[in-house]
């Protein structure tokens, strides 16, 4: 019985995918660092935004585990880590209940975030709409009758929500203002987050083909997907350089110190052909992105 309980706990931890949570927090950190450098940082906004984003990411991970198992992407042909529903340790009904729980928690936490941040009903309901879109995007990536991840639209969703929406939305809640220049660091983070998804999809290209999941690597082929990964990483760093030049604020360029790690990841993603060998680079790219954001923020706050 103890072994069964231990296995179930491990299955839930695998389903939550703790290694993805640092990437989810990156947009909150980036926006908060910029708000701090503008002397407009708010602790309550930061804490509630971080908690809401973490809950949404967990919801997305649970929905992905459930959806890929139901639609066949997590089959016996898949070479990546075994998923909770696929393994049979967690039943689909249990996963659905967990998805409802984390969906409700993220919505409640998001309401708290908006309550402490906003005093305009128009803006409040605008952000409520964004919140519902975020929950919809988290659940319907691989779940539902027409999961958009199976149509190759996951990259666009990740770019928007992990980059533009995450950074610009959090900054607005800190400051009640918006600056066009923020688009560039938000774009950087969007590119890096999309790279994490792309590496995941390169790893799963064979099983995705069998399941009819038309991810970008399935659509364009492995070689082109590797070049696409290089492009995402290069453009992400170029966006930072352009931001620094336009703002005449060069402290954030400290983030370029993390670029060698990303270049090494891109090189190895191109070199490794076995799924088991590619899997570690998902975690490495996610952590490198977090380090990039931390270096960006420290440079922005300390050296500007």
Protein backbone atom coordinates (compact mmCIF):
# COMPACT_ATOMS: atom_id res chain seq x y z
CA UNK A 1 0.00 0.00 0.00
CA UNK A 2 2.83 2.38 0.91
CA UNK A 3 4.45 1.67 -2.45
CA UNK A 4 1.17 2.46 -4.20
CA UNK A 5 0.87 5.75 -2.31
CA UNK A 6 4.46 6.60 -3.13
CA UNK A 7 3.91 5.81 -6.80
CA UNK A 8 0.81 7.99 -6.89
CA UNK A 9 2.64 10.90 -5.26
CA UNK A 10 5.43 10.55 -7.79
CA UNK A 11 2.89 10.44 -10.61
CA UNK A 12 1.28 13.68 -9.42
CA UNK A 13 4.69 15.33 -9.19
CA UNK A 14 5.47 14.20 -12.74
CA UNK A 15 2.11 15.54 -13.91
CA UNK A 16 2.70 18.91 -12.23
CA UNK A 17 6.14 19.08 -13.93
CA UNK A 18 8.02 21.16 -11.41
CA UNK A 19 10.77 21.86 -13.93
CA UNK A 20 8.41 24.04 -15.99
CA UNK A 21 7.50 26.37 -13.11
CA UNK A 22 10.66 28.56 -13.26
CA UNK A 23 9.82 29.37 -16.88
CA UNK A 24 6.27 30.32 -15.88
CA UNK A 25 7.64 32.78 -13.32
CA UNK A 26 10.10 34.38 -15.74
CA UNK A 27 7.58 36.85 -17.20
CA UNK A 28 6.48 37.96 -13.72
CA UNK A 29 10.10 38.49 -12.70
CA UNK A 30 10.99 40.40 -15.86
CA UNK A 31 8.06 42.80 -15.55
CA UNK A 32 8.68 43.25 -11.83
CA UNK A 33 12.36 44.04 -12.35
CA UNK A 34 11.45 46.70 -14.91
CA UNK A 35 8.82 48.14 -12.55
CA UNK A 36 11.43 48.17 -9.76
CA UNK A 37 13.88 50.06 -11.99
CA UNK A 38 11.11 52.62 -12.59
CA UNK A 39 10.46 52.79 -8.81
CA UNK A 40 6.90 51.51 -9.31
CA UNK A 41 7.24 47.97 -7.91
CA UNK A 42 4.46 46.58 -5.65
CA UNK A 43 5.06 43.52 -3.48
CA UNK A 44 1.41 42.44 -3.35
CA UNK A 45 1.18 42.51 -7.15
CA UNK A 46 4.38 40.49 -7.48
CA UNK A 47 3.34 37.79 -5.00
CA UNK A 48 -0.19 37.37 -6.33
CA UNK A 49 0.94 37.47 -9.97
CA UNK A 50 3.58 34.82 -9.27
CA UNK A 51 1.05 32.60 -7.48
CA UNK A 52 -1.59 33.00 -10.22
CA UNK A 53 0.94 32.20 -12.96
CA UNK A 54 2.23 29.14 -11.09
CA UNK A 55 -1.30 27.79 -10.66
CA UNK A 56 -2.05 28.38 -14.35
CA UNK A 57 1.13 26.58 -15.36
CA UNK A 58 0.24 23.59 -13.19
CA UNK A 59 -3.24 23.58 -14.73
CA UNK A 60 -1.67 23.61 -18.20
CA UNK A 61 0.65 20.73 -17.30
CA UNK A 62 -2.18 18.61 -15.90
CA UNK A 63 -4.33 19.33 -18.95
CA UNK A 64 -1.41 18.43 -21.23
CA UNK A 65 -0.91 15.10 -19.43
CA UNK A 66 -4.62 14.35 -19.70
CA UNK A 67 -5.05 15.55 -23.29
CA UNK A 68 -2.03 13.80 -24.77
CA UNK A 69 -3.02 10.52 -23.12
CA UNK A 70 -6.61 10.79 -24.36
CA UNK A 71 -5.64 11.81 -27.90
CA UNK A 72 -2.84 9.27 -28.25
CA UNK A 73 0.32 11.39 -28.20
CA UNK A 74 1.33 9.73 -24.93
CA UNK A 75 1.23 6.19 -26.31
CA UNK A 76 3.63 3.30 -25.93
CA UNK A 77 5.55 4.76 -28.90
CA UNK A 78 6.42 7.91 -26.99
CA UNK A 79 10.08 7.97 -25.90
CA UNK A 80 9.93 10.82 -23.38
CA UNK A 81 9.09 10.57 -19.68
CA UNK A 82 6.03 8.45 -18.87
CA UNK A 83 2.94 10.53 -18.13
CA UNK A 84 0.62 10.04 -15.16
CA UNK A 85 -2.60 9.22 -17.04
CA UNK A 86 -0.81 7.16 -19.68
CA UNK A 87 0.78 5.01 -16.98
CA UNK A 88 -2.60 4.26 -15.41
CA UNK A 89 -1.47 5.39 -11.96
CA UNK A 90 -3.81 8.39 -12.15
CA UNK A 91 -7.21 7.85 -13.72
CA UNK A 92 -8.66 10.35 -16.23
CA UNK A 93 -11.48 11.24 -13.81
CA UNK A 94 -8.93 12.09 -11.11
CA UNK A 95 -6.98 14.27 -13.51
CA UNK A 96 -10.15 16.10 -14.55
CA UNK A 97 -10.92 16.86 -10.89
CA UNK A 98 -7.38 18.19 -10.40
CA UNK A 99 -7.76 20.38 -13.49
CA UNK A 100 -11.01 21.84 -12.13
CA UNK A 101 -9.36 22.47 -8.77
CA UNK A 102 -6.35 24.31 -10.21
CA UNK A 103 -8.54 26.18 -12.67
CA UNK A 104 -10.66 27.45 -9.77
CA UNK A 105 -7.62 28.29 -7.64
CA UNK A 106 -5.94 30.23 -10.45
CA UNK A 107 -9.15 32.18 -11.09
CA UNK A 108 -9.63 33.03 -7.40
CA UNK A 109 -5.99 34.07 -7.05
CA UNK A 110 -6.28 36.14 -10.22
CA UNK A 111 -9.32 37.93 -8.80
CA UNK A 112 -7.27 38.79 -5.72
CA UNK A 113 -4.50 40.14 -7.94
CA UNK A 114 -6.92 42.38 -9.81
CA UNK A 115 -8.57 43.52 -6.58
CA UNK A 116 -5.32 44.86 -5.12
CA UNK A 117 -4.15 46.32 -8.45
CA UNK A 118 -7.08 47.99 -10.19
CA UNK A 119 -9.62 50.70 -9.39
CA UNK A 120 -11.30 50.87 -12.80
CA UNK A 121 -14.15 48.47 -13.59
CA UNK A 122 -13.43 48.69 -17.32
CA UNK A 123 -9.82 47.60 -16.85
CA UNK A 124 -10.91 45.05 -14.23
CA UNK A 125 -13.24 43.26 -16.65
CA UNK A 126 -10.65 43.53 -19.43
CA UNK A 127 -8.22 41.60 -17.26
CA UNK A 128 -10.98 39.15 -16.30
CA UNK A 129 -11.31 38.43 -20.01
CA UNK A 130 -7.56 37.91 -20.28
CA UNK A 131 -7.78 35.57 -17.29
CA UNK A 132 -10.46 33.44 -18.93
CA UNK A 133 -8.39 33.33 -22.12
CA UNK A 134 -5.38 32.18 -20.10
CA UNK A 135 -7.39 29.37 -18.49
CA UNK A 136 -8.84 28.40 -21.88
CA UNK A 137 -5.35 28.35 -23.42
CA UNK A 138 -3.98 26.27 -20.53
CA UNK A 139 -6.72 23.65 -20.79
CA UNK A 140 -7.22 23.45 -24.55
CA UNK A 141 -3.61 23.11 -25.67
CA UNK A 142 -3.99 19.32 -25.85
CA UNK A 143 -7.42 18.79 -24.23
CA UNK A 144 -10.91 19.30 -25.59
CA UNK A 145 -12.41 18.26 -28.91
CA UNK A 146 -10.15 20.52 -31.02
CA UNK A 147 -6.89 21.04 -29.11
CA UNK A 148 -4.94 23.83 -30.78
CA UNK A 149 -1.62 22.20 -29.91
CA UNK A 150 -2.47 19.44 -32.37
CA UNK A 151 -2.80 22.05 -35.12
CA UNK A 152 0.68 23.49 -34.54
CA UNK A 153 -0.56 26.64 -32.80
CA UNK A 154 1.16 25.99 -29.48
CA UNK A 155 4.15 28.15 -30.41
CA UNK A 156 1.95 31.20 -30.97
CA UNK A 157 0.16 30.65 -27.65
CA UNK A 158 3.41 30.27 -25.71
CA UNK A 159 4.90 33.36 -27.35
CA UNK A 160 1.84 35.44 -26.49
CA UNK A 161 1.13 34.26 -22.94
CA UNK A 162 4.68 33.61 -21.67
CA UNK A 163 6.02 36.69 -23.44
CA UNK A 164 3.73 39.57 -24.34
CA UNK A 165 0.76 38.98 -22.01
CA UNK A 166 2.87 37.90 -19.04
CA UNK A 167 5.34 40.79 -19.19
CA UNK A 168 3.10 43.63 -20.36
CA UNK A 169 0.17 42.58 -18.17
CA UNK A 170 2.26 42.29 -15.01
CA UNK A 171 4.01 45.59 -15.66
CA UNK A 172 0.64 47.30 -16.12
CA UNK A 173 -0.64 45.92 -12.81
CA UNK A 174 2.46 47.31 -11.09
CA UNK A 175 2.36 50.73 -12.73
CA UNK A 176 -1.02 51.32 -14.39
CA UNK A 177 0.95 52.33 -17.48
CA UNK A 178 2.38 50.89 -20.68
CA UNK A 179 5.50 51.59 -22.73
CA UNK A 180 6.17 50.42 -26.28
CA UNK A 181 9.79 49.73 -25.37
CA UNK A 182 8.61 46.90 -23.08
CA UNK A 183 7.61 44.96 -26.18
CA UNK A 184 11.26 44.10 -26.86
CA UNK A 185 12.11 42.33 -23.58
CA UNK A 186 8.66 40.70 -23.70
CA UNK A 187 9.47 39.46 -27.22
CA UNK A 188 12.82 38.11 -25.96
CA UNK A 189 11.09 36.07 -23.29
CA UNK A 190 8.44 34.92 -25.77
CA UNK A 191 11.15 33.61 -28.10
CA UNK A 192 12.97 31.73 -25.32
CA UNK A 193 9.74 30.21 -23.98
CA UNK A 194 8.84 29.08 -27.49
CA UNK A 195 12.27 27.48 -27.75
CA UNK A 196 11.46 25.33 -24.70
CA UNK A 197 8.26 24.13 -26.38
CA UNK A 198 10.10 23.56 -29.65
CA UNK A 199 12.71 21.35 -27.95
CA UNK A 200 9.86 19.38 -26.36
CA UNK A 201 8.25 18.94 -29.78
CA UNK A 202 11.52 17.91 -31.43
CA UNK A 203 11.90 15.26 -28.74
CA UNK A 204 8.36 13.97 -29.35
CA UNK A 205 8.36 14.29 -33.14
CA UNK A 206 7.97 10.56 -33.82
CA UNK A 207 5.13 9.93 -31.38
CA UNK A 208 3.43 13.17 -32.42
CA UNK A 209 3.50 12.07 -36.06
CA UNK A 210 1.85 8.77 -35.12
CA UNK A 211 -0.80 10.55 -33.04
CA UNK A 212 -1.57 13.13 -35.75
CA UNK A 213 -0.27 16.00 -33.62
CA UNK A 214 0.96 18.53 -36.18
CA UNK A 215 3.47 20.45 -34.10
CA UNK A 216 5.91 22.78 -35.83
CA UNK A 217 8.69 20.12 -35.98
CA UNK A 218 6.20 17.62 -37.44
CA UNK A 219 5.15 20.17 -40.06
CA UNK A 220 8.60 21.40 -41.10
CA UNK A 221 10.82 18.42 -40.24
CA UNK A 222 13.57 17.96 -37.68
CA UNK A 223 16.36 19.81 -39.50
CA UNK A 224 14.24 22.90 -40.06
CA UNK A 225 12.99 22.71 -36.44
CA UNK A 226 16.61 22.79 -35.22
CA UNK A 227 17.26 25.89 -37.37
CA UNK A 228 14.03 27.38 -36.00
CA UNK A 229 15.38 26.79 -32.49
CA UNK A 230 18.60 28.64 -33.31
CA UNK A 231 16.52 31.51 -34.72
CA UNK A 232 14.43 31.80 -31.55
CA UNK A 233 17.50 32.00 -29.32
CA UNK A 234 19.37 34.47 -31.55
CA UNK A 235 16.36 36.76 -32.02
CA UNK A 236 15.66 36.71 -28.29
CA UNK A 237 19.11 38.07 -27.52
CA UNK A 238 19.03 40.56 -30.40
CA UNK A 239 15.75 41.97 -29.04
CA UNK A 240 17.49 42.63 -25.72
CA UNK A 241 20.33 44.47 -27.46
CA UNK A 242 17.85 46.59 -29.41
CA UNK A 243 15.94 47.39 -26.20
CA UNK A 244 19.16 48.53 -24.51
CA UNK A 245 20.14 50.74 -27.45
CA UNK A 246 16.72 52.36 -27.79
CA UNK A 247 16.40 52.95 -24.05
CA UNK A 248 20.06 53.96 -23.68
CA UNK A 249 20.04 51.70 -20.66
CA UNK A 250 22.74 49.05 -20.87
CA UNK A 251 22.51 47.36 -17.47
CA UNK A 252 20.17 44.67 -18.80
CA UNK A 253 22.88 43.50 -21.20
CA UNK A 254 24.21 41.47 -18.28
CA UNK A 255 21.71 38.88 -19.51
CA UNK A 256 24.00 38.22 -22.47
CA UNK A 257 26.31 36.43 -20.02
CA UNK A 258 23.77 33.56 -20.14
CA UNK A 259 23.83 33.40 -23.95
CA UNK A 260 26.68 30.82 -24.07
CA UNK A 261 24.45 28.41 -22.12
CA UNK A 262 21.64 28.89 -24.63
CA UNK A 263 24.02 28.50 -27.57
CA UNK A 264 25.30 25.24 -26.08
CA UNK A 265 21.71 24.03 -25.72
CA UNK A 266 20.90 24.92 -29.35
CA UNK A 267 24.04 23.11 -30.50
CA UNK A 268 23.19 19.94 -28.57
CA UNK A 269 19.55 19.95 -29.66
CA UNK A 270 20.86 19.80 -33.21
CA UNK A 271 23.39 17.11 -32.39
CA UNK A 272 21.30 14.74 -30.24
CA UNK A 273 18.89 12.56 -32.16
CA UNK A 274 17.53 10.25 -29.42
CA UNK A 275 14.55 11.46 -27.38
CA UNK A 276 16.11 10.37 -24.10
CA UNK A 277 19.20 12.45 -24.91
CA UNK A 278 17.14 15.52 -25.82
CA UNK A 279 14.97 15.50 -22.70
CA UNK A 280 17.53 17.13 -20.33
CA UNK A 281 17.77 20.16 -22.62
CA UNK A 282 14.13 21.05 -21.91
CA UNK A 283 15.04 21.65 -18.28
CA UNK A 284 18.29 23.37 -19.23
CA UNK A 285 16.55 25.81 -21.59
CA UNK A 286 13.87 26.61 -19.00
CA UNK A 287 16.47 27.24 -16.28
CA UNK A 288 18.70 29.20 -18.66
CA UNK A 289 15.74 31.44 -19.47
CA UNK A 290 15.18 32.05 -15.77
CA UNK A 291 18.89 32.85 -15.29
CA UNK A 292 18.69 35.19 -18.31
CA UNK A 293 15.79 37.08 -16.74
CA UNK A 294 17.54 37.25 -13.35
CA UNK A 295 20.71 38.60 -14.98
CA UNK A 296 18.63 41.08 -16.98
CA UNK A 297 16.86 42.28 -13.84
CA UNK A 298 19.96 42.53 -11.69
CA UNK A 299 21.79 44.44 -14.40
CA UNK A 300 18.82 46.74 -14.93
CA UNK A 301 18.38 47.52 -11.23
CA UNK A 302 22.01 47.65 -10.10
CA UNK A 303 23.94 49.03 -13.06
CA UNK A 304 21.47 51.42 -14.67
